[in-house]
PDB file of N, CA and C in Angstrom:
ATOM      1  N   UNK A   1     122.319 105.613 104.145  1.00  0.00           N
ATOM      2  CA  UNK A   1     121.407 104.324 103.839  1.00  0.00           C
ATOM      3  C   UNK A   1     119.958 104.537 104.333  1.00  0.00           C
ATOM      4  N   UNK A   2     119.166 103.721 103.600  1.00  0.00           N
ATOM      5  CA  UNK A   2     117.682 104.005 104.150  1.00  0.00           C
ATOM      6  C   UNK A   2     117.401 103.590 105.636  1.00  0.00           C
ATOM      7  N   UNK A   3     116.611 104.075 106.182  1.00  0.00           N
ATOM      8  CA  UNK A   3     115.779 103.857 107.339  1.00  0.00           C
ATOM      9  C   UNK A   3     114.460 103.236 107.111  1.00  0.00           C
ATOM     10  N   UNK A   4     114.635 101.645 107.639  1.00  0.00           N
ATOM     11  CA  UNK A   4     113.393 100.968 107.272  1.00  0.00           C
ATOM     12  C   UNK A   4     112.158 101.606 108.022  1.00  0.00           C
ATOM     13  N   UNK A   5     112.298 102.168 109.053  1.00  0.00           N
ATOM     14  CA  UNK A   5     111.167 102.948 109.697  1.00  0.00           C
ATOM     15  C   UNK A   5     110.289 103.693 109.168  1.00  0.00           C
ATOM     16  N   UNK A   6     111.384 104.487 108.159  1.00  0.00           N
ATOM     17  CA  UNK A   6     110.773 105.721 107.322  1.00  0.00           C
ATOM     18  C   UNK A   6     110.593 105.461 105.934  1.00  0.00           C
ATOM     19  N   UNK A   7     109.910 104.602 105.388  1.00  0.00           N
ATOM     20  CA  UNK A   7     109.901 104.061 104.083  1.00  0.00           C
ATOM     21  C   UNK A   7     109.094 105.280 103.278  1.00  0.00           C
ATOM     22  N   UNK A   8     109.566 105.124 101.704  1.00  0.00           N
ATOM     23  CA  UNK A   8     109.095 106.287 100.851  1.00  0.00           C
ATOM     24  C   UNK A   8     109.355 107.828 101.013  1.00  0.00           C
ATOM     25  N   UNK A   9     110.377 108.090 101.659  1.00  0.00           N
ATOM     26  CA  UNK A   9     110.893 109.239 102.122  1.00  0.00           C
ATOM     27  C   UNK A   9     111.996 109.641 101.324  1.00  0.00           C
ATOM     28  N   UNK A  10     112.631 108.914 100.222  1.00  0.00           N
ATOM     29  CA  UNK A  10     113.571 109.008  99.775  1.00  0.00           C
ATOM     30  C   UNK A  10     113.172 110.808  98.688  1.00  0.00           C
ATOM     31  N   UNK A  11     112.215 110.720  98.377  1.00  0.00           N
ATOM     32  CA  UNK A  11     111.968 112.014  97.503  1.00  0.00           C
ATOM     33  C   UNK A  11     111.512 112.038  96.226  1.00  0.00           C
ATOM     34  N   UNK A  12     110.986 113.163  95.577  1.00  0.00           N
ATOM     35  CA  UNK A  12     110.522 112.951  94.243  1.00  0.00           C
ATOM     36  C   UNK A  12     111.447 113.946  93.438  1.00  0.00           C
ATOM     37  N   UNK A  13     111.768 113.617  92.366  1.00  0.00           N
ATOM     38  CA  UNK A  13     112.642 114.278  91.532  1.00  0.00           C
ATOM     39  C   UNK A  13     113.669 115.275  92.255  1.00  0.00           C
ATOM     40  N   UNK A  14     114.626 114.878  93.077  1.00  0.00           N
ATOM     41  CA  UNK A  14     115.548 115.420  93.858  1.00  0.00           C
ATOM     42  C   UNK A  14     114.974 116.576  94.842  1.00  0.00           C
ATOM     43  N   UNK A  15     114.104 116.732  95.573  1.00  0.00           N
ATOM     44  CA  UNK A  15     113.358 117.778  95.860  1.00  0.00           C
ATOM     45  C   UNK A  15     114.106 117.423  97.819  1.00  0.00           C
ATOM     46  N   UNK A  16     114.172 116.337  97.867  1.00  0.00           N
ATOM     47  CA  UNK A  16     115.082 116.136  99.203  1.00  0.00           C
ATOM     48  C   UNK A  16     116.481 115.997  99.235  1.00  0.00           C
ATOM     49  N   UNK A  17     117.059 116.752  98.031  1.00  0.00           N
ATOM     50  CA  UNK A  17     118.356 116.871  98.192  1.00  0.00           C
ATOM     51  C   UNK A  17     119.240 117.424  99.348  1.00  0.00           C
ATOM     52  N   UNK A  18     120.517 116.974  99.746  1.00  0.00           N
ATOM     53  CA  UNK A  18     121.180 117.534 100.870  1.00  0.00           C
ATOM     54  C   UNK A  18     121.391 119.272 100.405  1.00  0.00           C
ATOM     55  N   UNK A  19     121.352 119.715  99.348  1.00  0.00           N
ATOM     56  CA  UNK A  19     121.614 121.031  99.285  1.00  0.00           C
ATOM     57  C   UNK A  19     120.322 121.987  99.690  1.00  0.00           C
ATOM     58  N   UNK A  20     119.074 121.123  99.868  1.00  0.00           N
ATOM     59  CA  UNK A  20     117.835 121.935  99.977  1.00  0.00           C
ATOM     60  C   UNK A  20     117.767 122.012 101.685  1.00  0.00           C
ATOM     61  N   UNK A  21     118.616 121.661 102.183  1.00  0.00           N
ATOM     62  CA  UNK A  21     118.678 121.238 103.786  1.00  0.00           C
ATOM     63  C   UNK A  21     118.707 122.989 104.577  1.00  0.00           C
ATOM     64  N   UNK A  22     119.674 123.896 103.963  1.00  0.00           N
ATOM     65  CA  UNK A  22     119.708 125.257 104.443  1.00  0.00           C
ATOM     66  C   UNK A  22     118.416 125.886 104.275  1.00  0.00           C
ATOM     67  N   UNK A  23     118.109 126.807 105.508  1.00  0.00           N
ATOM     68  CA  UNK A  23     116.683 127.182 105.361  1.00  0.00           C
ATOM     69  C   UNK A  23     116.456 128.486 104.277  1.00  0.00           C
ATOM     70  N   UNK A  24     117.790 128.811 104.048  1.00  0.00           N
ATOM     71  CA  UNK A  24     117.635 130.210 103.026  1.00  0.00           C
ATOM     72  C   UNK A  24     117.300 129.729 101.674  1.00  0.00           C
ATOM     73  N   UNK A  25     117.775 128.348 101.343  1.00  0.00           N
ATOM     74  CA  UNK A  25     117.725 127.885  99.778  1.00  0.00           C
ATOM     75  C   UNK A  25     116.219 127.712  99.839  1.00  0.00           C
ATOM     76  N   UNK A  26     115.678 126.888 101.047  1.00  0.00           N
ATOM     77  CA  UNK A  26     114.320 126.442 101.018  1.00  0.00           C
ATOM     78  C   UNK A  26     113.499 127.673 100.678  1.00  0.00           C
ATOM     79  N   UNK A  27     113.526 128.701 101.089  1.00  0.00           N
ATOM     80  CA  UNK A  27     112.820 130.355 101.214  1.00  0.00           C
ATOM     81  C   UNK A  27     112.964 130.617  99.813  1.00  0.00           C
ATOM     82  N   UNK A  28     114.125 130.611  99.282  1.00  0.00           N
ATOM     83  CA  UNK A  28     114.509 131.336  98.096  1.00  0.00           C
ATOM     84  C   UNK A  28     113.604 130.519  96.727  1.00  0.00           C
ATOM     85  N   UNK A  29     113.607 129.229  97.058  1.00  0.00           N
ATOM     86  CA  UNK A  29     112.948 128.466  96.067  1.00  0.00           C
ATOM     87  C   UNK A  29     111.583 128.582  96.005  1.00  0.00           C
ATOM     88  N   UNK A  30     111.025 128.576  97.406  1.00  0.00           N
ATOM     89  CA  UNK A  30     109.525 128.599  97.635  1.00  0.00           C
ATOM     90  C   UNK A  30     109.120 129.959  97.193  1.00  0.00           C
ATOM     91  N   UNK A  31     110.221 131.240  97.246  1.00  0.00           N
ATOM     92  CA  UNK A  31     109.431 132.519  96.858  1.00  0.00           C
ATOM     93  C   UNK A  31     109.786 132.487  95.398  1.00  0.00           C
ATOM     94  N   UNK A  32     110.468 131.951  94.957  1.00  0.00           N
ATOM     95  CA  UNK A  32     110.981 132.145  93.493  1.00  0.00           C
ATOM     96  C   UNK A  32     109.503 131.254  92.621  1.00  0.00           C
ATOM     97  N   UNK A  33     108.823 130.275  93.181  1.00  0.00           N
ATOM     98  CA  UNK A  33     107.820 129.477  92.497  1.00  0.00           C
ATOM     99  C   UNK A  33     106.559 130.640  92.789  1.00  0.00           C
ATOM    100  N   UNK A  34     106.284 131.326  93.895  1.00  0.00           N
ATOM    101  CA  UNK A  34     105.240 132.120  93.891  1.00  0.00           C
ATOM    102  C   UNK A  34     105.515 133.560  93.473  1.00  0.00           C
ATOM    103  N   UNK A  35     106.731 133.653  93.285  1.00  0.00           N
ATOM    104  CA  UNK A  35     107.009 135.039  92.434  1.00  0.00           C
ATOM    105  C   UNK A  35     106.813 134.867  90.958  1.00  0.00           C
ATOM    106  N   UNK A  36     107.153 133.865  90.463  1.00  0.00           N
ATOM    107  CA  UNK A  36     106.909 133.551  88.760  1.00  0.00           C
ATOM    108  C   UNK A  36     105.258 133.228  88.857  1.00  0.00           C
ATOM    109  N   UNK A  37     104.881 132.654  90.005  1.00  0.00           N
ATOM    110  CA  UNK A  37     103.176 132.537  89.551  1.00  0.00           C
ATOM    111  C   UNK A  37     102.803 134.021  89.538  1.00  0.00           C
ATOM    112  N   UNK A  38     103.200 134.929  90.481  1.00  0.00           N
ATOM    113  CA  UNK A  38     102.716 136.227  90.280  1.00  0.00           C
ATOM    114  C   UNK A  38     102.736 137.087  89.123  1.00  0.00           C
ATOM    115  N   UNK A  39     104.227 136.849  88.660  1.00  0.00           N
ATOM    116  CA  UNK A  39     104.553 137.415  87.289  1.00  0.00           C
ATOM    117  C   UNK A  39     103.471 136.723  86.288  1.00  0.00           C
ATOM    118  N   UNK A  40     103.354 135.495  86.051  1.00  0.00           N
ATOM    119  CA  UNK A  40     102.086 134.936  85.130  1.00  0.00           C
ATOM    120  C   UNK A  40     100.835 135.332  85.293  1.00  0.00           C
ATOM    121  N   UNK A  41     100.426 135.588  86.478  1.00  0.00           N
ATOM    122  CA  UNK A  41      99.113 136.352  86.815  1.00  0.00           C
ATOM    123  C   UNK A  41      99.231 137.731  86.134  1.00  0.00           C
ATOM    124  N   UNK A  42     100.384 138.407  86.600  1.00  0.00           N
ATOM    125  CA  UNK A  42     100.344 139.909  85.650  1.00  0.00           C
ATOM    126  C   UNK A  42     100.107 139.674  84.401  1.00  0.00           C
ATOM    127  N   UNK A  43     101.061 138.647  83.696  1.00  0.00           N
ATOM    128  CA  UNK A  43     100.928 138.575  82.186  1.00  0.00           C
ATOM    129  C   UNK A  43      99.894 138.254  81.462  1.00  0.00           C
ATOM    130  N   UNK A  44      98.738 137.483  82.353  1.00  0.00           N
ATOM    131  CA  UNK A  44      97.618 137.010  81.920  1.00  0.00           C
ATOM    132  C   UNK A  44      97.508 135.710  81.369  1.00  0.00           C
ATOM    133  N   UNK A  45      98.318 135.188  82.141  1.00  0.00           N
ATOM    134  CA  UNK A  45      98.361 133.471  81.764  1.00  0.00           C
ATOM    135  C   UNK A  45      97.979 132.564  82.728  1.00  0.00           C
ATOM    136  N   UNK A  46      96.810 132.110  82.753  1.00  0.00           N
ATOM    137  CA  UNK A  46      96.023 131.544  84.128  1.00  0.00           C
ATOM    138  C   UNK A  46      96.688 129.904  84.044  1.00  0.00           C
ATOM    139  N   UNK A  47      96.866 129.336  82.996  1.00  0.00           N
ATOM    140  CA  UNK A  47      97.398 128.167  83.280  1.00  0.00           C
ATOM    141  C   UNK A  47      99.068 127.845  83.659  1.00  0.00           C
ATOM    142  N   UNK A  48      99.764 128.971  83.337  1.00  0.00           N
ATOM    143  CA  UNK A  48     101.011 129.167  84.106  1.00  0.00           C
ATOM    144  C   UNK A  48     101.008 129.550  85.630  1.00  0.00           C
ATOM    145  N   UNK A  49      99.974 130.211  85.734  1.00  0.00           N
ATOM    146  CA  UNK A  49      99.713 130.796  87.165  1.00  0.00           C
ATOM    147  C   UNK A  49      99.557 129.850  88.030  1.00  0.00           C
ATOM    148  N   UNK A  50      98.599 129.201  87.789  1.00  0.00           N
ATOM    149  CA  UNK A  50      98.251 127.804  88.447  1.00  0.00           C
ATOM    150  C   UNK A  50      99.133 126.604  88.255  1.00  0.00           C
ATOM    151  N   UNK A  51     100.103 126.560  87.482  1.00  0.00           N
ATOM    152  CA  UNK A  51     101.260 125.428  87.540  1.00  0.00           C
ATOM    153  C   UNK A  51     102.012 126.039  88.688  1.00  0.00           C
ATOM    154  N   UNK A  52     102.617 127.265  88.594  1.00  0.00           N
ATOM    155  CA  UNK A  52     103.773 127.842  89.290  1.00  0.00           C
ATOM    156  C   UNK A  52     102.778 128.036  90.690  1.00  0.00           C
ATOM    157  N   UNK A  53     101.698 128.366  91.193  1.00  0.00           N
ATOM    158  CA  UNK A  53     101.184 127.887  92.328  1.00  0.00           C
ATOM    159  C   UNK A  53     101.171 126.619  93.155  1.00  0.00           C
ATOM    160  N   UNK A  54     100.829 125.683  92.525  1.00  0.00           N
ATOM    161  CA  UNK A  54     100.692 124.299  92.449  1.00  0.00           C
ATOM    162  C   UNK A  54     102.067 123.615  93.174  1.00  0.00           C
ATOM    163  N   UNK A  55     102.991 124.491  92.234  1.00  0.00           N
ATOM    164  CA  UNK A  55     104.553 123.801  92.718  1.00  0.00           C
ATOM    165  C   UNK A  55     104.864 124.997  93.664  1.00  0.00           C
ATOM    166  N   UNK A  56     104.530 125.815  94.195  1.00  0.00           N
ATOM    167  CA  UNK A  56     104.892 126.786  95.372  1.00  0.00           C
ATOM    168  C   UNK A  56     104.387 125.949  96.583  1.00  0.00           C
ATOM    169  N   UNK A  57     102.820 125.657  96.458  1.00  0.00           N
ATOM    170  CA  UNK A  57     102.412 125.046  97.593  1.00  0.00           C
ATOM    171  C   UNK A  57     102.835 123.842  98.016  1.00  0.00           C
ATOM    172  N   UNK A  58     103.684 122.894  96.930  1.00  0.00           N
ATOM    173  CA  UNK A  58     104.230 121.801  97.261  1.00  0.00           C
ATOM    174  C   UNK A  58     105.255 121.716  98.083  1.00  0.00           C
ATOM    175  N   UNK A  59     106.192 122.944  97.736  1.00  0.00           N
ATOM    176  CA  UNK A  59     107.480 123.426  98.141  1.00  0.00           C
ATOM    177  C   UNK A  59     107.087 123.600  99.679  1.00  0.00           C
ATOM    178  N   UNK A  60     105.963 124.340  99.737  1.00  0.00           N
ATOM    179  CA  UNK A  60     105.971 124.886 101.458  1.00  0.00           C
ATOM    180  C   UNK A  60     105.696 123.662 102.093  1.00  0.00           C
ATOM    181  N   UNK A  61     104.632 122.690 101.427  1.00  0.00           N
ATOM    182  CA  UNK A  61     104.509 121.203 102.159  1.00  0.00           C
ATOM    183  C   UNK A  61     105.578 120.697 102.458  1.00  0.00           C
ATOM    184  N   UNK A  62     106.483 120.387 101.758  1.00  0.00           N
ATOM    185  CA  UNK A  62     108.105 119.713 101.847  1.00  0.00           C
ATOM    186  C   UNK A  62     109.061 120.411 102.428  1.00  0.00           C
ATOM    187  N   UNK A  63     108.866 121.393 102.188  1.00  0.00           N
ATOM    188  CA  UNK A  63     109.913 122.308 102.820  1.00  0.00           C
ATOM    189  C   UNK A  63     109.889 122.777 104.373  1.00  0.00           C
ATOM    190  N   UNK A  64     108.310 122.952 104.729  1.00  0.00           N
ATOM    191  CA  UNK A  64     108.348 123.673 106.092  1.00  0.00           C
ATOM    192  C   UNK A  64     107.304 122.781 106.838  1.00  0.00           C
ATOM    193  N   UNK A  65     106.191 122.534 106.231  1.00  0.00           N
ATOM    194  CA  UNK A  65     105.290 121.640 106.758  1.00  0.00           C
ATOM    195  C   UNK A  65     105.421 120.065 107.438  1.00  0.00           C
ATOM    196  N   UNK A  66     106.276 119.384 106.365  1.00  0.00           N
ATOM    197  CA  UNK A  66     106.971 118.037 106.745  1.00  0.00           C
ATOM    198  C   UNK A  66     108.386 117.908 107.079  1.00  0.00           C
ATOM    199  N   UNK A  67     108.905 118.868 107.277  1.00  0.00           N
ATOM    200  CA  UNK A  67     110.457 119.133 106.956  1.00  0.00           C
ATOM    201  C   UNK A  67     111.177 118.298 108.199  1.00  0.00           C
ATOM    202  N   UNK A  68     112.021 117.294 107.579  1.00  0.00           N
ATOM    203  CA  UNK A  68     112.792 116.461 108.578  1.00  0.00           C
ATOM    204  C   UNK A  68     114.201 116.707 108.312  1.00  0.00           C
ATOM    205  N   UNK A  69     115.077 117.120 108.990  1.00  0.00           N
ATOM    206  CA  UNK A  69     116.446 117.242 108.455  1.00  0.00           C
ATOM    207  C   UNK A  69     117.045 115.825 108.212  1.00  0.00           C
ATOM    208  N   UNK A  70     116.558 114.871 108.716  1.00  0.00           N
ATOM    209  CA  UNK A  70     116.989 113.341 108.324  1.00  0.00           C
ATOM    210  C   UNK A  70     116.464 112.806 106.911  1.00  0.00           C
ATOM    211  N   UNK A  71     115.653 113.541 106.344  1.00  0.00           N
ATOM    212  CA  UNK A  71     115.265 113.149 105.263  1.00  0.00           C
ATOM    213  C   UNK A  71     116.041 113.924 104.060  1.00  0.00           C
ATOM    214  N   UNK A  72     116.597 114.985 104.428  1.00  0.00           N
ATOM    215  CA  UNK A  72     117.679 115.908 103.582  1.00  0.00           C
ATOM    216  C   UNK A  72     119.116 115.466 103.576  1.00  0.00           C
ATOM    217  N   UNK A  73     119.074 114.396 104.360  1.00  0.00           N
ATOM    218  CA  UNK A  73     120.958 113.819 104.381  1.00  0.00           C
ATOM    219  C   UNK A  73     121.735 113.667 103.239  1.00  0.00           C
ATOM    220  N   UNK A  74     122.914 113.381 103.600  1.00  0.00           N
ATOM    221  CA  UNK A  74     123.685 112.394 102.335  1.00  0.00           C
ATOM    222  C   UNK A  74     123.118 111.522 102.016  1.00  0.00           C
ATOM    223  N   UNK A  75     123.349 111.244 100.708  1.00  0.00           N
ATOM    224  CA  UNK A  75     122.747 109.977 100.487  1.00  0.00           C
ATOM    225  C   UNK A  75     123.771 108.692  99.719  1.00  0.00           C
ATOM    226  N   UNK A  76     124.843 109.006 100.300  1.00  0.00           N
ATOM    227  CA  UNK A  76     126.016 108.049  99.978  1.00  0.00           C
ATOM    228  C   UNK A  76     126.327 106.718 100.786  1.00  0.00           C
ATOM    229  N   UNK A  77     125.520 106.534 101.826  1.00  0.00           N
ATOM    230  CA  UNK A  77     125.097 105.352 102.688  1.00  0.00           C
ATOM    231  C   UNK A  77     126.026 105.836 103.882  1.00  0.00           C
ATOM    232  N   UNK A  78     126.220 106.776 104.347  1.00  0.00           N
ATOM    233  CA  UNK A  78     127.077 107.041 105.607  1.00  0.00           C
ATOM    234  C   UNK A  78     126.244 107.432 106.781  1.00  0.00           C
TER     235      UNK A  78
END
């Protein structure tokens, strides 16, 4: 059930899904984004490099800087 004191924290595109609650998964997703950005830089694709760097930066922000376990809870209303 949504908390009326915390509006707008539902999430964008499922990034606040309960599956993302464990720390190891958040680290793996963030590492995959930055790892892929590194590959794109190595391959000489600046557009894709910046896209995956931006996605990685967003995951750092969502998963580590503003992380609140209540935002990643079950969404079935319990």
